Amino acid sequence: MAETIKVKLVRSMIGRPAKQRKVLRGMGLTRINKTVELKDTPEIRGMIKKVTHLVSTEE
């Protein structure tokens, strides 16, 4: 699990619950179409699962 995952914010966080906005900011996603590379860990996978309707992922 030493690989990385590319995560891209594709939907706005406006109007979303505060918990989901905190998850997105914790991953470093602050605006639409921003892409970040994160380590492939169970913690990051859980964060992605919480906001899967707002992001797209690529391994």
Protein backbone atom coordinates (compact mmCIF):
# COMPACT_ATOMS: atom_id res chain seq x y z
CA MET A 1 0.00 0.00 0.00
CA ALA A 2 2.85 2.41 -0.67
CA GLU A 3 1.24 3.67 -3.86
CA THR A 4 -0.61 6.95 -4.29
CA ILE A 5 -4.16 7.84 -5.24
CA LYS A 6 -5.11 10.91 -7.29
CA VAL A 7 -8.22 12.57 -5.92
CA LYS A 8 -10.00 15.37 -7.79
CA LEU A 9 -12.82 17.56 -6.46
CA VAL A 10 -15.53 17.56 -9.14
CA ARG A 11 -18.55 18.92 -7.23
CA SER A 12 -18.81 21.98 -5.03
CA MET A 13 -18.71 21.75 -1.26
CA ILE A 14 -21.20 24.63 -0.95
CA GLY A 15 -24.29 23.50 0.94
CA ARG A 16 -22.65 20.31 2.20
CA PRO A 17 -22.52 19.36 5.89
CA ALA A 18 -19.59 20.74 7.88
CA LYS A 19 -18.21 17.23 8.44
CA GLN A 20 -17.90 16.62 4.69
CA ARG A 21 -16.23 20.03 4.18
CA LYS A 22 -13.71 19.19 6.90
CA VAL A 23 -12.91 15.88 5.22
CA LEU A 24 -12.30 17.63 1.88
CA ARG A 25 -10.05 20.26 3.49
CA GLY A 26 -8.21 17.52 5.36
CA MET A 27 -7.37 15.94 2.02
CA GLY A 28 -6.20 19.30 0.66
CA LEU A 29 -9.12 19.86 -1.69
CA THR A 30 -10.14 23.51 -1.54
CA ARG A 31 -11.65 24.29 -4.95
CA ILE A 32 -13.29 22.51 -7.89
CA ASN A 33 -10.98 20.68 -10.32
CA LYS A 34 -8.09 20.66 -7.85
CA THR A 35 -6.21 17.36 -7.87
CA VAL A 36 -4.05 16.02 -5.04
CA GLU A 37 -1.96 12.88 -4.72
CA LEU A 38 -2.39 11.07 -1.42
CA LYS A 39 -0.86 7.91 0.01
CA ASP A 40 -3.00 4.81 -0.36
CA THR A 41 -3.81 4.12 3.29
CA PRO A 42 -6.98 2.83 4.97
CA GLU A 43 -7.49 6.27 6.55
CA ILE A 44 -7.45 8.05 3.19
CA ARG A 45 -9.71 5.38 1.68
CA GLY A 46 -12.22 6.05 4.48
CA MET A 47 -12.08 9.79 3.84
CA ILE A 48 -12.72 9.22 0.13
CA LYS A 49 -15.64 6.93 0.95
CA LYS A 50 -17.29 9.72 3.01
CA VAL A 51 -17.26 12.16 0.07
CA THR A 52 -17.33 9.79 -2.90
CA HIS A 53 -20.23 11.76 -4.43
CA LEU A 54 -18.04 14.91 -4.60
CA VAL A 55 -14.72 13.52 -5.85
CA SER A 56 -13.27 11.34 -8.58
CA THR A 57 -10.36 9.02 -7.92
CA GLU A 58 -7.61 7.47 -10.00
CA GLU A 59 -5.01 5.00 -8.85
